[in-house]
Amino acid sequence: MFERDEERGQVGIGTLIVFIAMVLVAAIAAGVLINTAGFLQSKSEQTGEQSSQQVTNRLDVKSVTGDTYALDGDNDNERKNVTAINMTVKKAPGADDINLANATIRYVGPDGTQSLTYGANPGQATPPYDGVNNAVFNASVIKDADDSYPVANSPDDRLEIGIELEQPSASALSPLAEGETATLTITTQSGGSTEVRIEIPQSLSDETAVEL
């Protein structure tokens, strides 16, 4: 009689130990799942925020023009080429402040591809070359009520980006002839990009500047 009671007690203790072990395992697993879920949620929020910035934090190009000159200086008798590109830009709707000093431009033209970085001060007609002689774009102010240049921090800000197509350090940057095309991709610090495709008119003979 007492032996059976002892056997029942041992079975009960064994079952209790197994139950406690299962509870501990379940608690540990639940903790791991909660931590993993929190990590994944944080990563998804971060990824979503970065994706949103890439979509919204970009520049809106309002107009593109080109300066035209005859390469030998004879504007009356020689065919002209576009030797500089000027783009009027503003920050896109919903974009945060955009600093042109941190932007890059990818130029794809008839002579190849060239990356350009910011390298000029407001009001300069031609861009200086940076310390390592990289290709650069310049920028100037059209409208900037609070003097935030080179940062576009208001929907009313208007800045002009200029690209000289004759830079010694950039073999891909060469004057564009009549009928030629090129593509420019402006990328901001947040990764937002704006692509602009330009096409040179078939005739530049009587023009000093053209709409592209």
N, C-alpha and C. Protein backbone atom coordinates (compact mmCIF):
# COMPACT_ATOMS: atom_id res chain seq x y z
N MET A 1 0.84 -1.20 0.00
CA MET A 1 0.00 0.00 0.00
C MET A 1 0.87 1.25 0.00
N PHE A 2 1.89 1.32 0.86
CA PHE A 2 2.77 2.49 0.93
C PHE A 2 3.67 2.58 -0.30
N GLU A 3 4.07 1.41 -0.87
CA GLU A 3 4.90 1.42 -2.04
C GLU A 3 4.19 2.08 -3.20
N ARG A 4 2.89 1.81 -3.38
CA ARG A 4 2.13 2.43 -4.48
C ARG A 4 2.04 3.93 -4.28
N ASP A 5 1.84 4.39 -3.04
CA ASP A 5 1.78 5.83 -2.79
C ASP A 5 3.11 6.51 -3.13
N GLU A 6 4.22 5.83 -2.79
CA GLU A 6 5.53 6.38 -3.12
C GLU A 6 5.72 6.46 -4.63
N GLU A 7 5.26 5.41 -5.36
CA GLU A 7 5.38 5.42 -6.82
C GLU A 7 4.58 6.57 -7.43
N ARG A 8 3.36 6.79 -6.87
CA ARG A 8 2.54 7.88 -7.39
C ARG A 8 3.22 9.22 -7.13
N GLY A 9 3.86 9.38 -5.98
CA GLY A 9 4.55 10.62 -5.65
C GLY A 9 5.73 10.88 -6.58
N GLN A 10 6.48 9.83 -6.91
CA GLN A 10 7.61 9.99 -7.81
C GLN A 10 7.15 10.38 -9.21
N VAL A 11 6.04 9.75 -9.66
CA VAL A 11 5.50 10.09 -10.98
C VAL A 11 5.03 11.54 -11.01
N GLY A 12 4.39 11.99 -9.92
CA GLY A 12 3.91 13.36 -9.84
C GLY A 12 5.05 14.36 -9.87
N ILE A 13 6.14 14.06 -9.14
CA ILE A 13 7.30 14.96 -9.15
C ILE A 13 7.93 15.01 -10.54
N GLY A 14 8.04 13.85 -11.20
CA GLY A 14 8.59 13.82 -12.57
C GLY A 14 7.76 14.64 -13.54
N THR A 15 6.44 14.49 -13.42
CA THR A 15 5.54 15.27 -14.29
C THR A 15 5.69 16.75 -14.03
N LEU A 16 5.83 17.15 -12.75
CA LEU A 16 5.99 18.55 -12.40
C LEU A 16 7.29 19.12 -12.97
N ILE A 17 8.37 18.31 -12.90
CA ILE A 17 9.66 18.76 -13.44
C ILE A 17 9.54 18.97 -14.95
N VAL A 18 8.90 18.01 -15.63
CA VAL A 18 8.72 18.14 -17.08
C VAL A 18 7.89 19.38 -17.41
N PHE A 19 6.83 19.61 -16.62
CA PHE A 19 5.95 20.77 -16.85
C PHE A 19 6.72 22.09 -16.67
N ILE A 20 7.53 22.15 -15.59
CA ILE A 20 8.32 23.36 -15.35
C ILE A 20 9.32 23.59 -16.48
N ALA A 21 9.95 22.50 -16.95
CA ALA A 21 10.90 22.62 -18.05
C ALA A 21 10.21 23.14 -19.31
N MET A 22 9.01 22.64 -19.59
CA MET A 22 8.26 23.10 -20.76
C MET A 22 7.90 24.57 -20.63
N VAL A 23 7.53 24.99 -19.43
CA VAL A 23 7.20 26.41 -19.21
C VAL A 23 8.43 27.28 -19.43
N LEU A 24 9.59 26.84 -18.92
CA LEU A 24 10.83 27.60 -19.10
C LEU A 24 11.20 27.71 -20.57
N VAL A 25 11.10 26.58 -21.28
CA VAL A 25 11.42 26.58 -22.72
C VAL A 25 10.47 27.52 -23.47
N ALA A 26 9.18 27.45 -23.12
CA ALA A 26 8.20 28.31 -23.79
C ALA A 26 8.48 29.78 -23.49
N ALA A 27 8.88 30.09 -22.27
CA ALA A 27 9.17 31.48 -21.90
C ALA A 27 10.39 32.00 -22.66
N ILE A 28 11.42 31.15 -22.74
CA ILE A 28 12.62 31.55 -23.49
C ILE A 28 12.29 31.77 -24.96
N ALA A 29 11.51 30.83 -25.53
CA ALA A 29 11.13 30.96 -26.94
C ALA A 29 10.30 32.21 -27.16
N ALA A 30 9.40 32.50 -26.24
CA ALA A 30 8.57 33.71 -26.36
C ALA A 30 9.44 34.97 -26.30
N GLY A 31 10.44 34.96 -25.40
CA GLY A 31 11.34 36.11 -25.31
C GLY A 31 12.11 36.33 -26.59
N VAL A 32 12.60 35.22 -27.18
CA VAL A 32 13.34 35.31 -28.44
C VAL A 32 12.43 35.85 -29.54
N LEU A 33 11.20 35.34 -29.61
CA LEU A 33 10.25 35.80 -30.63
C LEU A 33 9.92 37.28 -30.47
N ILE A 34 9.74 37.71 -29.22
CA ILE A 34 9.43 39.11 -28.97
C ILE A 34 10.60 40.01 -29.38
N ASN A 35 11.81 39.59 -29.00
CA ASN A 35 12.99 40.37 -29.38
C ASN A 35 13.16 40.43 -30.89
N THR A 36 12.95 39.28 -31.56
CA THR A 36 13.07 39.23 -33.02
C THR A 36 12.03 40.11 -33.68
N ALA A 37 10.79 40.03 -33.16
CA ALA A 37 9.71 40.85 -33.73
C ALA A 37 10.02 42.34 -33.56
N GLY A 38 10.55 42.71 -32.40
CA GLY A 38 10.91 44.11 -32.17
C GLY A 38 12.01 44.57 -33.10
N PHE A 39 13.01 43.69 -33.30
CA PHE A 39 14.12 44.03 -34.20
C PHE A 39 13.63 44.19 -35.63
N LEU A 40 12.78 43.25 -36.07
CA LEU A 40 12.27 43.32 -37.43
C LEU A 40 11.40 44.55 -37.63
N GLN A 41 10.62 44.89 -36.62
CA GLN A 41 9.78 46.09 -36.73
C GLN A 41 10.64 47.34 -36.84
N SER A 42 11.71 47.39 -36.01
CA SER A 42 12.61 48.54 -36.05
C SER A 42 13.28 48.65 -37.42
N LYS A 43 13.74 47.51 -37.95
CA LYS A 43 14.40 47.53 -39.25
C LYS A 43 13.42 47.92 -40.36
N SER A 44 12.18 47.43 -40.27
CA SER A 44 11.20 47.76 -41.30
C SER A 44 10.85 49.25 -41.26
N GLU A 45 10.76 49.81 -40.04
CA GLU A 45 10.49 51.24 -39.93
C GLU A 45 11.64 52.05 -40.50
N GLN A 46 12.87 51.62 -40.20
CA GLN A 46 14.05 52.32 -40.71
C GLN A 46 14.12 52.23 -42.23
N THR A 47 13.84 51.03 -42.76
CA THR A 47 13.85 50.85 -44.22
C THR A 47 12.76 51.68 -44.88
N GLY A 48 11.58 51.70 -44.24
CA GLY A 48 10.48 52.49 -44.78
C GLY A 48 10.80 53.98 -44.79
N GLU A 49 11.45 54.44 -43.72
CA GLU A 49 11.83 55.86 -43.64
C GLU A 49 12.87 56.20 -44.71
N GLN A 50 13.85 55.33 -44.89
CA GLN A 50 14.87 55.57 -45.91
C GLN A 50 14.27 55.56 -47.31
N SER A 51 13.34 54.61 -47.55
CA SER A 51 12.69 54.54 -48.85
C SER A 51 11.86 55.79 -49.10
N SER A 52 11.18 56.26 -48.05
CA SER A 52 10.38 57.49 -48.18
C SER A 52 11.27 58.68 -48.50
N GLN A 53 12.44 58.76 -47.84
CA GLN A 53 13.36 59.86 -48.09
C GLN A 53 13.87 59.83 -49.53
N GLN A 54 14.13 58.62 -50.04
CA GLN A 54 14.63 58.51 -51.40
C GLN A 54 13.58 58.95 -52.42
N VAL A 55 12.31 58.77 -52.06
CA VAL A 55 11.24 59.17 -52.97
C VAL A 55 10.96 60.67 -52.88
N THR A 56 10.94 61.20 -51.66
CA THR A 56 10.51 62.60 -51.47
C THR A 56 11.66 63.60 -51.44
N ASN A 57 12.82 63.22 -50.90
CA ASN A 57 13.93 64.18 -50.75
C ASN A 57 14.74 64.28 -52.03
N ARG A 58 14.14 64.92 -53.00
CA ARG A 58 14.79 65.08 -54.29
C ARG A 58 14.55 66.49 -54.81
N LEU A 59 15.22 66.82 -55.88
CA LEU A 59 15.07 68.13 -56.50
C LEU A 59 14.09 68.07 -57.66
N ASP A 60 13.34 69.13 -57.82
CA ASP A 60 12.41 69.26 -58.93
C ASP A 60 13.03 70.25 -59.93
N VAL A 61 13.27 69.80 -61.16
CA VAL A 61 13.88 70.64 -62.19
C VAL A 61 12.78 71.39 -62.93
N LYS A 62 12.84 72.72 -62.85
CA LYS A 62 11.79 73.55 -63.45
C LYS A 62 12.11 73.92 -64.89
N SER A 63 13.38 74.13 -65.23
CA SER A 63 13.74 74.48 -66.60
C SER A 63 15.20 74.14 -66.85
N VAL A 64 15.53 73.92 -68.13
CA VAL A 64 16.90 73.60 -68.52
C VAL A 64 17.24 74.42 -69.76
N THR A 65 18.35 75.12 -69.72
CA THR A 65 18.81 75.90 -70.87
C THR A 65 20.26 75.59 -71.16
N GLY A 66 20.68 75.96 -72.37
CA GLY A 66 22.07 75.75 -72.76
C GLY A 66 22.67 77.01 -73.34
N ASP A 67 23.93 77.28 -73.01
CA ASP A 67 24.67 78.40 -73.61
C ASP A 67 25.36 77.90 -74.87
N THR A 68 25.27 78.67 -75.95
CA THR A 68 25.84 78.24 -77.22
C THR A 68 26.95 79.16 -77.69
N TYR A 69 28.00 78.54 -78.19
CA TYR A 69 29.14 79.30 -78.73
C TYR A 69 29.75 78.51 -79.88
N ALA A 70 30.31 79.23 -80.82
CA ALA A 70 31.13 78.58 -81.85
C ALA A 70 32.47 78.25 -81.23
N LEU A 71 32.95 77.04 -81.45
CA LEU A 71 34.16 76.59 -80.77
C LEU A 71 35.39 77.40 -81.16
N ASP A 72 35.41 77.96 -82.37
CA ASP A 72 36.58 78.74 -82.76
C ASP A 72 36.40 80.23 -82.52
N GLY A 73 35.27 80.59 -81.89
CA GLY A 73 35.03 81.99 -81.57
C GLY A 73 34.36 82.78 -82.68
N ASP A 74 34.15 82.18 -83.84
CA ASP A 74 33.50 82.88 -84.95
C ASP A 74 32.02 82.54 -84.92
N ASN A 75 31.23 83.35 -84.24
CA ASN A 75 29.82 83.06 -84.07
C ASN A 75 29.00 83.28 -85.34
N ASP A 76 29.58 83.93 -86.34
CA ASP A 76 28.82 84.24 -87.54
C ASP A 76 28.91 83.14 -88.59
N ASN A 77 30.04 82.47 -88.67
CA ASN A 77 30.26 81.55 -89.78
C ASN A 77 30.37 80.08 -89.39
N GLU A 78 30.64 79.80 -88.12
CA GLU A 78 30.84 78.41 -87.73
C GLU A 78 29.62 77.85 -87.00
N ARG A 79 29.44 76.54 -87.11
CA ARG A 79 28.35 75.87 -86.40
C ARG A 79 28.57 75.97 -84.90
N LYS A 80 27.52 76.28 -84.17
CA LYS A 80 27.64 76.43 -82.72
C LYS A 80 27.40 75.12 -82.00
N ASN A 81 27.94 75.03 -80.80
CA ASN A 81 27.69 73.91 -79.90
C ASN A 81 27.22 74.45 -78.56
N VAL A 82 26.54 73.59 -77.80
CA VAL A 82 26.16 73.94 -76.43
C VAL A 82 27.36 73.64 -75.53
N THR A 83 27.85 74.66 -74.85
CA THR A 83 29.06 74.49 -74.03
C THR A 83 28.78 74.55 -72.53
N ALA A 84 27.54 74.86 -72.15
CA ALA A 84 27.19 74.88 -70.72
C ALA A 84 25.71 74.56 -70.58
N ILE A 85 25.37 73.85 -69.51
CA ILE A 85 23.98 73.50 -69.20
C ILE A 85 23.60 74.17 -67.89
N ASN A 86 22.43 74.81 -67.87
CA ASN A 86 21.93 75.49 -66.68
C ASN A 86 20.55 74.95 -66.32
N MET A 87 20.39 74.51 -65.07
CA MET A 87 19.12 73.95 -64.62
C MET A 87 18.58 74.74 -63.43
N THR A 88 17.36 75.21 -63.54
CA THR A 88 16.69 75.86 -62.41
C THR A 88 15.98 74.79 -61.60
N VAL A 89 16.30 74.71 -60.29
CA VAL A 89 15.77 73.63 -59.46
C VAL A 89 15.13 74.19 -58.19
N LYS A 90 14.23 73.40 -57.62
CA LYS A 90 13.62 73.66 -56.32
C LYS A 90 13.49 72.32 -55.62
N LYS A 91 13.25 72.34 -54.33
CA LYS A 91 13.05 71.06 -53.65
C LYS A 91 11.65 70.55 -53.97
N ALA A 92 11.53 69.25 -54.14
CA ALA A 92 10.26 68.64 -54.52
C ALA A 92 9.24 68.75 -53.39
N PRO A 93 7.94 68.71 -53.69
CA PRO A 93 6.92 68.76 -52.65
C PRO A 93 7.12 67.67 -51.60
N GLY A 94 7.08 68.04 -50.33
CA GLY A 94 7.25 67.08 -49.24
C GLY A 94 8.68 66.79 -48.88
N ALA A 95 9.63 67.37 -49.60
CA ALA A 95 11.05 67.10 -49.34
C ALA A 95 11.54 67.87 -48.12
N ASP A 96 12.51 67.30 -47.41
CA ASP A 96 13.19 68.01 -46.33
C ASP A 96 14.18 69.00 -46.96
N ASP A 97 14.93 69.69 -46.11
CA ASP A 97 15.94 70.61 -46.62
C ASP A 97 16.96 69.84 -47.47
N ILE A 98 17.33 70.40 -48.61
CA ILE A 98 18.27 69.75 -49.51
C ILE A 98 19.50 70.64 -49.69
N ASN A 99 20.65 70.09 -49.36
CA ASN A 99 21.91 70.81 -49.46
C ASN A 99 22.60 70.42 -50.77
N LEU A 100 22.71 71.38 -51.67
CA LEU A 100 23.35 71.09 -52.96
C LEU A 100 24.82 70.71 -52.80
N ALA A 101 25.44 71.17 -51.71
CA ALA A 101 26.85 70.84 -51.50
C ALA A 101 27.05 69.34 -51.29
N ASN A 102 25.99 68.63 -50.92
CA ASN A 102 26.08 67.19 -50.70
C ASN A 102 25.47 66.38 -51.84
N ALA A 103 25.07 67.05 -52.90
CA ALA A 103 24.47 66.37 -54.04
C ALA A 103 25.55 65.95 -55.04
N THR A 104 25.20 65.01 -55.89
CA THR A 104 26.06 64.59 -56.99
C THR A 104 25.25 64.57 -58.28
N ILE A 105 25.95 64.69 -59.40
CA ILE A 105 25.28 64.62 -60.70
C ILE A 105 26.01 63.60 -61.56
N ARG A 106 25.24 62.73 -62.17
CA ARG A 106 25.78 61.74 -63.11
C ARG A 106 25.42 62.19 -64.52
N TYR A 107 26.44 62.45 -65.33
CA TYR A 107 26.25 62.93 -66.69
C TYR A 107 26.56 61.81 -67.67
N VAL A 108 25.63 61.53 -68.57
CA VAL A 108 25.83 60.53 -69.61
C VAL A 108 25.63 61.22 -70.95
N GLY A 109 26.70 61.33 -71.72
CA GLY A 109 26.63 62.02 -73.00
C GLY A 109 27.27 61.22 -74.12
N PRO A 110 27.41 61.82 -75.28
CA PRO A 110 27.97 61.11 -76.44
C PRO A 110 29.39 60.60 -76.21
N ASP A 111 30.14 61.27 -75.34
CA ASP A 111 31.55 60.89 -75.12
C ASP A 111 31.77 60.07 -73.86
N GLY A 112 30.69 59.63 -73.21
CA GLY A 112 30.87 58.79 -72.03
C GLY A 112 30.09 59.28 -70.81
N THR A 113 30.51 58.78 -69.66
CA THR A 113 29.83 59.06 -68.40
C THR A 113 30.77 59.78 -67.45
N GLN A 114 30.23 60.73 -66.70
CA GLN A 114 31.05 61.51 -65.78
C GLN A 114 30.25 61.81 -64.51
N SER A 115 30.88 61.65 -63.36
CA SER A 115 30.28 62.05 -62.09
C SER A 115 30.80 63.42 -61.70
N LEU A 116 29.89 64.27 -61.21
CA LEU A 116 30.26 65.62 -60.81
C LEU A 116 29.84 65.87 -59.37
N THR A 117 30.67 66.63 -58.66
CA THR A 117 30.35 67.04 -57.30
C THR A 117 30.28 68.56 -57.23
N TYR A 118 29.71 69.05 -56.15
CA TYR A 118 29.57 70.49 -55.96
C TYR A 118 30.95 71.12 -55.76
N GLY A 119 31.16 72.28 -56.43
CA GLY A 119 32.46 72.89 -56.27
C GLY A 119 32.50 74.37 -56.57
N ALA A 120 31.42 75.11 -56.33
CA ALA A 120 31.43 76.53 -56.68
C ALA A 120 30.71 77.37 -55.65
N ASN A 121 31.00 78.64 -55.68
CA ASN A 121 30.36 79.61 -54.81
C ASN A 121 29.30 80.39 -55.59
N PRO A 122 28.30 80.98 -54.92
CA PRO A 122 27.25 81.70 -55.63
C PRO A 122 27.81 82.86 -56.43
N GLY A 123 27.27 83.01 -57.63
CA GLY A 123 27.64 84.15 -58.45
C GLY A 123 28.83 83.91 -59.35
N GLN A 124 29.51 82.77 -59.21
CA GLN A 124 30.65 82.50 -60.07
C GLN A 124 30.18 82.05 -61.45
N ALA A 125 30.74 82.64 -62.49
CA ALA A 125 30.32 82.31 -63.84
C ALA A 125 30.83 80.95 -64.27
N THR A 126 32.04 80.60 -63.85
CA THR A 126 32.60 79.29 -64.20
C THR A 126 33.04 78.58 -62.93
N PRO A 127 32.90 77.26 -62.91
CA PRO A 127 33.20 76.53 -61.68
C PRO A 127 34.69 76.38 -61.44
N PRO A 128 35.15 76.51 -60.20
CA PRO A 128 36.54 76.19 -59.90
C PRO A 128 36.71 74.68 -59.87
N TYR A 129 37.92 74.22 -59.84
CA TYR A 129 38.18 72.79 -59.71
C TYR A 129 38.59 72.51 -58.27
N ASP A 130 38.13 71.37 -57.76
CA ASP A 130 38.41 71.06 -56.36
C ASP A 130 39.87 70.65 -56.19
N GLY A 131 40.23 70.31 -54.95
CA GLY A 131 41.62 70.05 -54.62
C GLY A 131 42.25 68.90 -55.38
N VAL A 132 41.43 67.95 -55.82
CA VAL A 132 41.97 66.81 -56.55
C VAL A 132 41.57 66.87 -58.02
N ASN A 133 41.13 68.04 -58.46
CA ASN A 133 40.84 68.28 -59.87
C ASN A 133 39.73 67.40 -60.41
N ASN A 134 38.70 67.17 -59.60
CA ASN A 134 37.54 66.41 -60.07
C ASN A 134 36.60 67.31 -60.85
N ALA A 135 35.74 66.68 -61.65
CA ALA A 135 34.73 67.44 -62.37
C ALA A 135 33.70 67.97 -61.37
N VAL A 136 33.23 69.20 -61.59
CA VAL A 136 32.32 69.82 -60.64
C VAL A 136 31.16 70.50 -61.37
N PHE A 137 30.10 70.76 -60.60
CA PHE A 137 29.03 71.63 -61.06
C PHE A 137 29.00 72.84 -60.14
N ASN A 138 28.51 73.95 -60.65
CA ASN A 138 28.39 75.12 -59.79
C ASN A 138 26.91 75.38 -59.48
N ALA A 139 26.65 76.32 -58.62
CA ALA A 139 25.27 76.65 -58.26
C ALA A 139 25.21 78.12 -57.89
N SER A 140 24.12 78.75 -58.21
CA SER A 140 23.92 80.15 -57.89
C SER A 140 22.48 80.36 -57.45
N VAL A 141 22.23 81.52 -56.86
CA VAL A 141 20.92 81.80 -56.28
C VAL A 141 20.05 82.56 -57.28
N ILE A 142 18.84 82.08 -57.44
CA ILE A 142 17.82 82.83 -58.18
C ILE A 142 16.87 83.50 -57.20
N LYS A 143 16.40 82.72 -56.20
CA LYS A 143 15.51 83.24 -55.17
C LYS A 143 15.79 82.51 -53.87
N ASP A 144 16.13 83.26 -52.82
CA ASP A 144 16.49 82.66 -51.54
C ASP A 144 16.27 83.70 -50.44
N ALA A 145 15.06 83.76 -49.93
CA ALA A 145 14.66 84.84 -49.02
C ALA A 145 15.46 84.84 -47.72
N ASP A 146 15.84 83.69 -47.21
CA ASP A 146 16.53 83.64 -45.91
C ASP A 146 18.02 83.34 -46.03
N ASP A 147 18.58 83.50 -47.21
CA ASP A 147 20.02 83.30 -47.43
C ASP A 147 20.50 81.93 -46.95
N SER A 148 19.77 80.90 -47.32
CA SER A 148 20.12 79.54 -46.89
C SER A 148 21.06 78.83 -47.87
N TYR A 149 21.40 79.48 -48.97
CA TYR A 149 22.27 78.87 -49.99
C TYR A 149 23.51 78.22 -49.35
N PRO A 150 23.91 77.02 -49.79
CA PRO A 150 23.37 76.23 -50.90
C PRO A 150 22.28 75.25 -50.50
N VAL A 151 21.57 75.54 -49.40
CA VAL A 151 20.50 74.67 -48.94
C VAL A 151 19.16 75.20 -49.43
N ALA A 152 18.39 74.35 -50.06
CA ALA A 152 17.01 74.69 -50.44
C ALA A 152 16.11 74.25 -49.29
N ASN A 153 15.65 75.23 -48.50
CA ASN A 153 14.86 74.90 -47.31
C ASN A 153 13.44 75.44 -47.37
N SER A 154 13.05 76.01 -48.49
CA SER A 154 11.71 76.56 -48.65
C SER A 154 11.17 76.19 -50.02
N PRO A 155 9.87 75.96 -50.13
CA PRO A 155 9.29 75.68 -51.45
C PRO A 155 9.50 76.82 -52.44
N ASP A 156 9.76 78.04 -51.93
CA ASP A 156 9.96 79.19 -52.80
C ASP A 156 11.41 79.35 -53.26
N ASP A 157 12.34 78.63 -52.66
CA ASP A 157 13.74 78.75 -53.05
C ASP A 157 13.93 78.27 -54.50
N ARG A 158 14.71 79.05 -55.24
CA ARG A 158 15.07 78.66 -56.60
C ARG A 158 16.58 78.81 -56.76
N LEU A 159 17.24 77.72 -57.12
CA LEU A 159 18.69 77.72 -57.33
C LEU A 159 18.98 77.29 -58.76
N GLU A 160 20.10 77.72 -59.27
CA GLU A 160 20.50 77.34 -60.62
C GLU A 160 21.77 76.52 -60.57
N ILE A 161 21.69 75.32 -61.13
CA ILE A 161 22.85 74.44 -61.24
C ILE A 161 23.46 74.63 -62.62
N GLY A 162 24.77 74.87 -62.66
CA GLY A 162 25.47 75.05 -63.92
C GLY A 162 26.53 74.00 -64.14
N ILE A 163 26.61 73.48 -65.36
CA ILE A 163 27.63 72.49 -65.71
C ILE A 163 28.37 72.98 -66.95
N GLU A 164 29.65 73.25 -66.79
CA GLU A 164 30.49 73.60 -67.93
C GLU A 164 30.89 72.31 -68.66
N LEU A 165 30.69 72.27 -69.96
CA LEU A 165 30.98 71.06 -70.73
C LEU A 165 32.40 71.03 -71.28
N GLU A 166 33.26 71.88 -70.75
CA GLU A 166 34.68 71.88 -71.13
C GLU A 166 35.51 71.97 -69.86
N GLN A 167 35.68 70.82 -69.19
CA GLN A 167 36.47 70.76 -67.97
C GLN A 167 37.67 69.84 -68.22
N PRO A 168 38.89 70.33 -67.99
CA PRO A 168 40.09 69.55 -68.30
C PRO A 168 40.14 68.18 -67.63
N SER A 169 39.52 68.06 -66.45
CA SER A 169 39.61 66.80 -65.72
C SER A 169 38.53 65.81 -66.13
N ALA A 170 37.66 66.17 -67.08
CA ALA A 170 36.52 65.32 -67.41
C ALA A 170 36.45 65.13 -68.92
N SER A 171 36.97 64.01 -69.40
CA SER A 171 36.98 63.76 -70.84
C SER A 171 35.59 63.53 -71.40
N ALA A 172 34.65 63.07 -70.53
CA ALA A 172 33.29 62.82 -71.01
C ALA A 172 32.49 64.10 -71.18
N LEU A 173 32.97 65.21 -70.60
CA LEU A 173 32.28 66.48 -70.73
C LEU A 173 32.84 67.24 -71.91
N SER A 174 32.10 67.23 -72.98
CA SER A 174 32.50 67.96 -74.18
C SER A 174 31.28 68.67 -74.74
N PRO A 175 31.48 69.76 -75.47
CA PRO A 175 30.35 70.50 -76.03
C PRO A 175 29.42 69.61 -76.85
N LEU A 176 28.13 69.89 -76.75
CA LEU A 176 27.13 69.09 -77.44
C LEU A 176 26.75 69.76 -78.76
N ALA A 177 26.81 68.98 -79.82
CA ALA A 177 26.49 69.50 -81.14
C ALA A 177 24.99 69.42 -81.41
N GLU A 178 24.59 70.04 -82.50
CA GLU A 178 23.18 70.04 -82.88
C GLU A 178 22.65 68.61 -83.02
N GLY A 179 21.49 68.35 -82.40
CA GLY A 179 20.86 67.04 -82.49
C GLY A 179 21.34 66.02 -81.48
N GLU A 180 22.40 66.29 -80.73
CA GLU A 180 22.90 65.33 -79.75
C GLU A 180 22.06 65.35 -78.47
N THR A 181 22.13 64.26 -77.72
CA THR A 181 21.36 64.14 -76.48
C THR A 181 22.28 63.78 -75.32
N ALA A 182 21.80 64.04 -74.12
CA ALA A 182 22.52 63.68 -72.90
C ALA A 182 21.51 63.48 -71.77
N THR A 183 21.92 62.74 -70.76
CA THR A 183 21.06 62.49 -69.59
C THR A 183 21.81 62.88 -68.33
N LEU A 184 21.13 63.59 -67.44
CA LEU A 184 21.71 63.99 -66.16
C LEU A 184 20.84 63.43 -65.04
N THR A 185 21.48 62.82 -64.05
CA THR A 185 20.78 62.31 -62.88
C THR A 185 21.31 63.03 -61.64
N ILE A 186 20.45 63.81 -61.00
CA ILE A 186 20.83 64.55 -59.79
C ILE A 186 20.42 63.72 -58.58
N THR A 187 21.38 63.40 -57.73
CA THR A 187 21.12 62.58 -56.54
C THR A 187 21.45 63.40 -55.29
N THR A 188 20.48 63.48 -54.37
CA THR A 188 20.68 64.22 -53.13
C THR A 188 21.34 63.33 -52.08
N GLN A 189 21.66 63.92 -50.93
CA GLN A 189 22.33 63.16 -49.87
C GLN A 189 21.46 62.01 -49.37
N SER A 190 20.14 62.15 -49.42
CA SER A 190 19.23 61.10 -48.95
C SER A 190 19.06 59.99 -49.96
N GLY A 191 19.60 60.16 -51.15
CA GLY A 191 19.47 59.13 -52.18
C GLY A 191 18.35 59.39 -53.16
N GLY A 192 17.59 60.47 -52.97
CA GLY A 192 16.55 60.81 -53.92
C GLY A 192 17.15 61.29 -55.22
N SER A 193 16.63 60.82 -56.34
CA SER A 193 17.23 61.16 -57.63
C SER A 193 16.20 61.74 -58.59
N THR A 194 16.69 62.61 -59.45
CA THR A 194 15.89 63.22 -60.50
C THR A 194 16.64 63.09 -61.81
N GLU A 195 15.99 62.52 -62.80
CA GLU A 195 16.64 62.33 -64.10
C GLU A 195 16.13 63.37 -65.10
N VAL A 196 17.07 63.96 -65.81
CA VAL A 196 16.75 64.98 -66.81
C VAL A 196 17.38 64.57 -68.14
N ARG A 197 16.57 64.49 -69.17
CA ARG A 197 17.09 64.17 -70.50
C ARG A 197 17.03 65.43 -71.36
N ILE A 198 18.15 65.77 -71.97
CA ILE A 198 18.20 66.98 -72.78
C ILE A 198 18.50 66.61 -74.24
N GLU A 199 17.96 67.39 -75.14
CA GLU A 199 18.18 67.19 -76.57
C GLU A 199 18.51 68.53 -77.20
N ILE A 200 19.63 68.61 -77.87
CA ILE A 200 20.05 69.85 -78.50
C ILE A 200 19.23 70.07 -79.77
N PRO A 201 18.72 71.27 -79.98
CA PRO A 201 17.96 71.55 -81.22
C PRO A 201 18.78 71.27 -82.46
N GLN A 202 18.09 71.06 -83.58
CA GLN A 202 18.75 70.74 -84.83
C GLN A 202 19.52 71.93 -85.40
N SER A 203 19.17 73.14 -84.97
CA SER A 203 19.88 74.31 -85.47
C SER A 203 20.16 75.28 -84.32
N LEU A 204 21.42 75.71 -84.22
CA LEU A 204 21.84 76.64 -83.18
C LEU A 204 22.44 77.92 -83.78
N SER A 205 22.35 78.08 -85.07
CA SER A 205 23.10 79.11 -85.77
C SER A 205 22.80 80.53 -85.28
N ASP A 206 21.56 80.82 -84.92
CA ASP A 206 21.20 82.18 -84.56
C ASP A 206 20.95 82.34 -83.05
N GLU A 207 21.34 81.38 -82.27
CA GLU A 207 21.00 81.39 -80.85
C GLU A 207 22.25 81.55 -79.98
N THR A 208 22.10 82.32 -78.91
CA THR A 208 23.16 82.39 -77.89
C THR A 208 22.80 81.55 -76.66
N ALA A 209 21.51 81.22 -76.54
CA ALA A 209 21.03 80.34 -75.47
C ALA A 209 19.78 79.65 -75.98
N VAL A 210 19.60 78.39 -75.58
CA VAL A 210 18.46 77.63 -76.07
C VAL A 210 17.80 76.88 -74.91
N GLU A 211 16.50 76.62 -75.08
CA GLU A 211 15.76 75.80 -74.14
C GLU A 211 16.02 74.35 -74.49
N LEU A 212 16.35 73.54 -73.48
CA LEU A 212 16.68 72.13 -73.71
C LEU A 212 15.60 71.22 -73.14
